[in-house]
Amino acid sequence: MVSERLIFFYWPLRTNYGKIKSKRWRRNLTNHYYTQNPDVLHEEQHWPFTLLGNELLFTTDNGVFSKNRVDYGSRVLLEAFNAAKTPAGSWLDLGTGYGPIGLALAKRWPDRQVTMVDVNELALELARKNATANQIENVEIKTSDIYDQVTQRYAAILTNPPVRAGKQVVTAMLTGAADHLLPGGTLTVVLQKKQGAPSAEKTMQSTFGNCTIIKKDKGYYILESTKDALV
């Protein structure tokens, strides 16, 4: 028989986040990583992770996406990215978080400049720490709400979009890429099928006139569009 005490603690967790008594639980569940200044209790973590053949050291915290490890989607995105296909120029990591995608790219291709942007100031602070810790200098890390502070055009844009921020945000990231790519530049995106990959494919096809699924892995789709070289 389940005790009354057990029922008391179990029921609020199932019904409504607002009934959770712990301030720590409440604050961390209601503060989303796609906010400018997430109000969280800080719990920094430090751990190594190998990406594109290089071991990187990461510092993460509450209030950022995938704080315990580099998420599987980002890893699949990095492995599928075809750097040789992109024209000369810098690359953009859109929605960088604490920096795993952008820093992995910059470490692997030190001759490329990588711009890393996010709306989350806490995430950007961590990304800067991680760039310093890994002695990566060929990066520019700055605040931008999607493309609002992005002023140049890039040879490649990569993104693991924040699906929890809603379809409107994800769509803006996909459609806006066309104005921020060089001719021949590529947009490479990772999304799970269940989180809207088929819809994103249609959006990219409509925006660029082309979209290829370059990889599927455990429900993750890697989508790629190329900006017309004549544009």
Protein backbone atom coordinates (compact mmCIF):
# COMPACT_ATOMS: atom_id res chain seq x y z
CA MET A 1 0.00 0.00 0.00
CA VAL A 2 1.31 3.47 -0.90
CA SER A 3 1.68 5.66 2.15
CA GLU A 4 -0.08 9.02 2.51
CA ARG A 5 3.28 10.72 2.68
CA LEU A 6 4.32 9.27 -0.65
CA ILE A 7 1.07 10.40 -2.24
CA PHE A 8 1.61 13.92 -0.91
CA PHE A 9 4.94 14.29 -2.69
CA TYR A 10 4.00 12.43 -5.85
CA TRP A 11 0.71 14.13 -6.70
CA PRO A 12 1.89 17.74 -7.14
CA LEU A 13 4.64 16.63 -9.53
CA ARG A 14 2.04 15.03 -11.79
CA THR A 15 -0.56 17.76 -11.74
CA ASN A 16 0.93 21.22 -11.90
CA TYR A 17 4.41 22.70 -11.73
CA GLY A 18 2.95 25.53 -9.68
CA LYS A 19 2.24 23.15 -6.80
CA ILE A 20 5.83 22.02 -6.44
CA LYS A 21 7.05 23.23 -3.07
CA SER A 22 10.76 23.33 -3.85
CA LYS A 23 11.87 26.73 -5.15
CA ARG A 24 14.74 25.06 -6.94
CA TRP A 25 12.43 22.73 -8.87
CA ARG A 26 9.98 25.51 -9.65
CA ARG A 27 12.54 28.00 -10.91
CA ASN A 28 14.44 25.53 -13.05
CA LEU A 29 11.30 24.07 -14.64
CA THR A 30 9.75 27.41 -15.53
CA ASN A 31 12.87 29.21 -16.81
CA HIS A 32 13.38 28.23 -20.42
CA TYR A 33 16.79 28.28 -22.07
CA TYR A 34 15.45 30.46 -24.91
CA THR A 35 15.23 33.59 -22.79
CA GLN A 36 17.64 36.50 -22.52
CA ASN A 37 18.34 36.22 -18.79
CA PRO A 38 17.11 32.93 -17.35
CA ASP A 39 16.48 33.22 -13.60
CA VAL A 40 18.05 30.03 -12.30
CA LEU A 41 19.99 28.74 -9.34
CA HIS A 42 23.54 28.35 -10.58
CA GLU A 43 25.11 24.90 -10.57
CA GLU A 44 28.14 24.95 -12.84
CA GLN A 45 29.38 21.67 -14.22
CA HIS A 46 32.71 20.93 -15.89
CA TRP A 47 33.25 18.00 -18.21
CA PRO A 48 35.17 16.95 -21.34
CA PHE A 49 33.60 15.84 -24.60
CA THR A 50 35.13 14.79 -27.91
CA LEU A 51 33.71 16.44 -31.03
CA LEU A 52 35.11 16.12 -34.57
CA GLY A 53 38.15 14.34 -33.19
CA ASN A 54 39.08 16.98 -30.62
CA GLU A 55 38.52 16.75 -26.88
CA LEU A 56 36.94 19.95 -25.61
CA LEU A 57 36.35 21.06 -22.03
CA PHE A 58 32.93 22.52 -21.29
CA THR A 59 31.48 24.51 -18.42
CA THR A 60 27.68 24.45 -18.29
CA ASP A 61 24.98 25.59 -15.86
CA ASN A 62 21.26 25.53 -15.23
CA GLY A 63 19.33 27.60 -17.74
CA VAL A 64 21.07 26.21 -20.85
CA PHE A 65 20.13 23.42 -23.22
CA SER A 66 21.68 19.97 -22.66
CA LYS A 67 23.80 20.93 -19.66
CA ASN A 68 24.97 17.40 -18.81
CA ARG A 69 26.39 16.36 -22.17
CA VAL A 70 26.49 17.50 -25.78
CA ASP A 71 23.11 16.44 -27.14
CA TYR A 72 22.91 13.72 -29.75
CA GLY A 73 21.35 15.97 -32.39
CA SER A 74 24.26 18.42 -32.28
CA ARG A 75 26.71 15.56 -32.61
CA VAL A 76 24.90 14.17 -35.66
CA LEU A 77 24.78 17.68 -37.17
CA LEU A 78 28.53 18.16 -36.78
CA GLU A 79 29.37 14.77 -38.27
CA ALA A 80 27.09 15.35 -41.27
CA PHE A 81 28.26 18.89 -42.05
CA ASN A 82 30.19 19.06 -45.33
CA ALA A 83 32.74 21.82 -44.81
CA ALA A 84 34.34 21.25 -48.21
CA LYS A 85 31.05 22.13 -49.92
CA THR A 86 30.92 25.64 -48.50
CA PRO A 87 32.43 28.64 -50.30
CA ALA A 88 35.13 30.84 -48.80
CA GLY A 89 33.93 32.86 -45.85
CA SER A 90 32.91 32.69 -42.21
CA TRP A 91 30.40 30.32 -40.65
CA LEU A 92 27.50 31.10 -38.30
CA ASP A 93 26.37 28.96 -35.35
CA LEU A 94 22.80 30.17 -34.83
CA GLY A 95 21.54 29.53 -31.29
CA THR A 96 24.93 28.49 -29.99
CA GLY A 97 24.02 27.85 -26.34
CA TYR A 98 27.20 27.19 -24.38
CA GLY A 99 29.02 26.68 -27.68
CA PRO A 100 29.49 23.01 -28.59
CA ILE A 101 28.73 23.37 -32.30
CA GLY A 102 30.60 26.60 -32.96
CA LEU A 103 33.62 25.68 -30.86
CA ALA A 104 33.88 22.22 -32.42
CA LEU A 105 33.84 23.79 -35.88
CA ALA A 106 36.40 26.45 -34.97
CA LYS A 107 38.72 23.89 -33.39
CA ARG A 108 38.50 21.53 -36.37
CA TRP A 109 38.90 24.26 -39.00
CA PRO A 110 41.13 26.98 -37.49
CA ASP A 111 41.34 28.76 -40.85
CA ARG A 112 37.63 29.60 -40.67
CA GLN A 113 36.12 32.36 -38.58
CA VAL A 114 33.01 31.23 -36.70
CA THR A 115 30.35 33.63 -35.38
CA MET A 116 28.31 32.24 -32.49
CA VAL A 117 25.05 33.95 -31.51
CA ASP A 118 22.28 33.38 -28.98
CA VAL A 119 19.62 35.35 -27.12
CA ASN A 120 20.56 33.72 -23.79
CA GLU A 121 23.17 35.86 -22.00
CA LEU A 122 24.05 33.11 -19.52
CA ALA A 123 24.72 30.71 -22.37
CA LEU A 124 26.92 33.27 -24.11
CA GLU A 125 28.94 33.84 -20.94
CA LEU A 126 29.56 30.09 -20.77
CA ALA A 127 30.44 29.95 -24.47
CA ARG A 128 33.09 32.62 -23.93
CA LYS A 129 34.50 30.70 -20.97
CA ASN A 130 34.59 27.56 -23.07
CA ALA A 131 36.34 29.29 -25.95
CA THR A 132 39.02 30.54 -23.56
CA ALA A 133 39.38 27.18 -21.80
CA ASN A 134 39.95 25.45 -25.14
CA GLN A 135 42.25 28.17 -26.50
CA ILE A 136 39.98 28.83 -29.47
CA GLU A 137 40.46 32.32 -30.87
CA ASN A 138 38.84 32.19 -34.31
CA VAL A 139 35.36 32.87 -32.94
CA GLU A 140 33.13 35.88 -32.38
CA ILE A 141 30.51 35.34 -29.68
CA LYS A 142 27.71 37.87 -29.42
CA THR A 143 24.08 38.46 -28.49
CA SER A 144 21.46 38.21 -31.20
CA ASP A 145 17.76 37.36 -31.13
CA ILE A 146 17.80 35.14 -34.20
CA TYR A 147 19.28 37.45 -36.87
CA ASP A 148 18.58 40.89 -35.38
CA GLN A 149 22.28 41.59 -34.68
CA VAL A 150 23.68 39.55 -37.58
CA THR A 151 25.05 42.02 -40.11
CA GLN A 152 27.17 39.96 -42.50
CA ARG A 153 26.64 37.05 -44.85
CA TYR A 154 28.12 33.62 -44.25
CA ALA A 155 29.41 30.65 -46.20
CA ALA A 156 27.47 28.34 -43.88
CA ILE A 157 24.82 28.59 -41.18
CA LEU A 158 24.36 25.68 -38.80
CA THR A 159 21.64 25.39 -36.20
CA ASN A 160 20.07 23.03 -33.72
CA PRO A 161 16.98 25.20 -33.29
CA PRO A 162 15.21 25.66 -29.94
CA VAL A 163 12.02 23.75 -30.70
CA ARG A 164 10.55 24.58 -27.29
CA ALA A 165 10.56 28.25 -28.26
CA GLY A 166 7.83 27.46 -30.77
CA LYS A 167 7.35 26.98 -34.49
CA GLN A 168 7.39 30.73 -35.19
CA VAL A 169 10.95 31.04 -33.86
CA VAL A 170 12.18 27.96 -35.72
CA THR A 171 10.59 29.13 -38.97
CA ALA A 172 12.19 32.56 -38.63
CA MET A 173 15.59 30.90 -38.20
CA LEU A 174 15.09 28.89 -41.39
CA THR A 175 13.60 31.55 -43.65
CA GLY A 176 15.90 34.32 -42.43
CA ALA A 177 18.98 32.32 -43.37
CA ALA A 178 18.53 33.18 -47.05
CA ASP A 179 19.37 36.84 -46.39
CA HIS A 180 22.47 35.95 -44.40
CA LEU A 181 24.14 33.43 -46.70
CA LEU A 182 26.69 34.09 -49.40
CA PRO A 183 25.94 32.75 -52.89
CA GLY A 184 26.57 29.02 -52.72
CA GLY A 185 26.35 29.05 -48.93
CA THR A 186 24.59 26.29 -47.03
CA LEU A 187 22.04 26.11 -44.23
CA THR A 188 22.38 22.88 -42.25
CA VAL A 189 19.75 22.07 -39.63
CA VAL A 190 19.09 19.23 -37.20
CA LEU A 191 15.56 18.39 -36.06
CA GLN A 192 13.83 15.29 -34.87
CA LYS A 193 11.08 13.92 -37.08
CA LYS A 194 8.62 14.12 -34.18
CA GLN A 195 9.60 17.74 -33.52
CA GLY A 196 8.87 19.04 -36.99
CA ALA A 197 11.60 17.92 -39.40
CA PRO A 198 9.12 17.24 -42.26
CA SER A 199 7.59 20.70 -41.83
CA ALA A 200 11.05 22.30 -41.70
CA GLU A 201 11.99 20.49 -44.89
CA LYS A 202 9.00 22.05 -46.66
CA THR A 203 9.90 25.49 -45.33
CA MET A 204 13.50 25.20 -46.51
CA GLN A 205 12.38 23.88 -49.91
CA SER A 206 10.04 26.84 -50.28
CA THR A 207 12.68 29.34 -49.16
CA PHE A 208 15.67 28.09 -51.14
CA GLY A 209 14.13 26.03 -53.91
CA ASN A 210 16.02 23.01 -52.62
CA CYS A 211 16.36 20.92 -49.49
CA THR A 212 18.13 17.60 -49.03
CA ILE A 213 17.95 15.19 -46.13
CA ILE A 214 21.66 14.43 -45.89
CA LYS A 215 21.40 12.11 -42.90
CA LYS A 216 18.89 10.30 -40.71
CA ASP A 217 19.95 8.90 -37.36
CA LYS A 218 17.69 7.65 -34.54
CA GLY A 219 14.85 9.95 -35.51
CA TYR A 220 17.09 12.97 -36.18
CA TYR A 221 17.03 14.51 -39.64
CA ILE A 222 19.88 16.62 -40.98
CA LEU A 223 18.45 19.03 -43.55
CA GLU A 224 20.55 21.08 -45.94
CA SER A 225 19.68 23.87 -48.35
CA THR A 226 22.04 25.77 -50.63
CA LYS A 227 21.60 29.39 -51.65
CA ASP A 228 21.58 29.84 -55.41
CA ALA A 229 25.12 30.68 -56.49
CA LEU A 230 23.73 33.25 -58.93
CA VAL A 231 21.96 35.26 -56.22
